[in-house]
């Protein structure tokens, strides 16, 4: 598999990694009371791949999300954010040019008001 195709497949997987991005939003500062929606825009140009070691890094991935702050009740409010995040992960090759992502980690702190 060519490196450009690997980068493209990793970007596609990052954009659809529901569990990973939802988990990232459970650890925001300040904390939140629920996720309304999120969207990720990873592009292959921002992904560096180390094929022999089966790992990769991503830089400046656009992460848009809408979360509930202050309270889950009537005193709370919804707020939208758009941040650029960096991270890293590992991958495996499966059959038929399928890539499996594992050990995903953000290296950017999600401090919402910094």
Protein backbone atom coordinates (compact mmCIF):
# COMPACT_ATOMS: atom_id res chain seq x y z
CA UNK A 1 0.00 0.00 0.00
CA UNK A 2 1.37 3.42 -0.95
CA UNK A 3 2.04 6.03 1.76
CA UNK A 4 -0.49 8.50 0.28
CA UNK A 5 -3.22 5.87 0.48
CA UNK A 6 -2.22 5.02 4.06
CA UNK A 7 -2.38 8.71 5.05
CA UNK A 8 -5.77 9.06 3.32
CA UNK A 9 -7.18 6.01 5.12
CA UNK A 10 -5.88 7.24 8.50
CA UNK A 11 -7.49 10.66 7.90
CA UNK A 12 -10.78 8.96 7.02
CA UNK A 13 -10.63 6.83 10.17
CA UNK A 14 -9.80 9.87 12.35
CA UNK A 15 -12.78 11.75 10.94
CA UNK A 16 -15.09 8.92 11.97
CA UNK A 17 -13.60 7.78 15.30
CA UNK A 18 -16.70 8.39 17.42
CA UNK A 19 -15.39 6.77 20.60
CA UNK A 20 -12.04 8.59 20.49
CA UNK A 21 -13.42 12.11 19.97
CA UNK A 22 -16.25 11.60 22.46
CA UNK A 23 -13.68 10.45 25.02
CA UNK A 24 -11.54 13.55 24.32
CA UNK A 25 -14.52 15.74 25.17
CA UNK A 26 -15.01 14.07 28.55
CA UNK A 27 -11.72 15.61 29.66
CA UNK A 28 -12.16 19.30 28.81
CA UNK A 29 -11.19 22.20 31.04
CA UNK A 30 -13.61 23.45 32.24
CA UNK A 31 -15.66 20.28 32.40
CA UNK A 32 -18.86 19.96 30.40
CA UNK A 33 -22.29 18.47 30.92
CA UNK A 34 -22.87 16.87 27.56
CA UNK A 35 -21.87 16.81 23.94
CA UNK A 36 -24.43 17.99 21.43
CA UNK A 37 -22.40 17.36 18.29
CA UNK A 38 -18.86 17.26 16.94
CA UNK A 39 -17.08 17.22 13.59
CA UNK A 40 -13.45 16.48 12.71
CA UNK A 41 -11.64 17.52 9.55
CA UNK A 42 -8.40 15.53 9.30
CA UNK A 43 -6.65 15.74 5.94
CA UNK A 44 -3.87 13.47 4.72
CA UNK A 45 -1.45 16.39 4.30
CA UNK A 46 -1.40 16.85 8.10
CA UNK A 47 -0.59 13.20 8.85
CA UNK A 48 2.94 11.80 9.09
CA UNK A 49 3.31 8.01 8.97
CA UNK A 50 6.12 5.74 10.17
CA UNK A 51 5.25 2.53 8.31
CA UNK A 52 7.91 0.20 9.80
CA UNK A 53 6.88 1.12 13.37
CA UNK A 54 3.16 1.28 12.51
CA UNK A 55 2.62 4.69 14.11
CA UNK A 56 1.59 8.16 12.97
CA UNK A 57 1.21 11.75 14.12
CA UNK A 58 -1.38 14.30 13.11
CA UNK A 59 -1.08 18.09 13.28
CA UNK A 60 -3.59 20.91 13.06
CA UNK A 61 -6.68 18.74 12.72
CA UNK A 62 -9.79 20.93 12.92
CA UNK A 63 -12.10 19.79 15.72
CA UNK A 64 -15.50 21.52 15.94
CA UNK A 65 -17.85 20.70 18.78
CA UNK A 66 -20.88 21.99 20.65
CA UNK A 67 -21.07 21.18 24.37
CA UNK A 68 -23.13 22.07 27.42
CA UNK A 69 -21.33 24.20 30.03
CA UNK A 70 -21.96 25.41 33.57
CA UNK A 71 -24.88 23.11 34.40
CA UNK A 72 -26.99 20.35 32.93
CA UNK A 73 -30.09 22.25 34.06
CA UNK A 74 -31.68 25.53 33.01
CA UNK A 75 -28.69 27.56 34.24
CA UNK A 76 -26.38 25.87 31.74
CA UNK A 77 -25.73 26.95 28.20
CA UNK A 78 -24.53 25.45 24.93
CA UNK A 79 -21.29 26.73 23.44
CA UNK A 80 -19.58 25.95 20.15
CA UNK A 81 -15.81 25.62 19.83
CA UNK A 82 -13.40 25.17 16.95
CA UNK A 83 -9.85 24.13 17.84
CA UNK A 84 -6.81 22.76 16.04
CA UNK A 85 -5.48 19.63 17.71
CA UNK A 86 -2.39 17.46 17.41
CA UNK A 87 -2.04 13.83 18.32
CA UNK A 88 -0.55 10.45 17.65
CA UNK A 89 -1.53 6.86 17.26
CA UNK A 90 -0.69 3.39 16.10
CA UNK A 91 -2.18 1.34 13.30
CA UNK A 92 -2.30 -2.17 11.89
CA UNK A 93 -2.81 -3.38 8.36
CA UNK A 94 -5.75 -5.72 7.91
CA UNK A 95 -6.79 -7.56 4.75
CA UNK A 96 -8.01 -5.78 1.60
CA UNK A 97 -6.15 -2.51 2.27
CA UNK A 98 -8.03 -1.89 5.52
CA UNK A 99 -6.27 0.00 8.29
CA UNK A 100 -7.17 -0.35 11.96
CA UNK A 101 -6.34 2.57 14.28
CA UNK A 102 -5.34 1.93 17.89
CA UNK A 103 -3.75 3.79 20.79
CA UNK A 104 -5.02 7.20 19.67
CA UNK A 105 -3.95 10.10 21.88
CA UNK A 106 -4.29 13.88 21.74
CA UNK A 107 -1.09 15.80 22.47
CA UNK A 108 -3.07 19.05 22.64
CA UNK A 109 -4.74 20.01 25.93
CA UNK A 110 -8.44 20.83 25.47
CA UNK A 111 -8.41 23.95 27.66
CA UNK A 112 -11.48 25.65 26.21
CA UNK A 113 -10.67 29.18 27.32
CA UNK A 114 -6.92 29.41 26.76
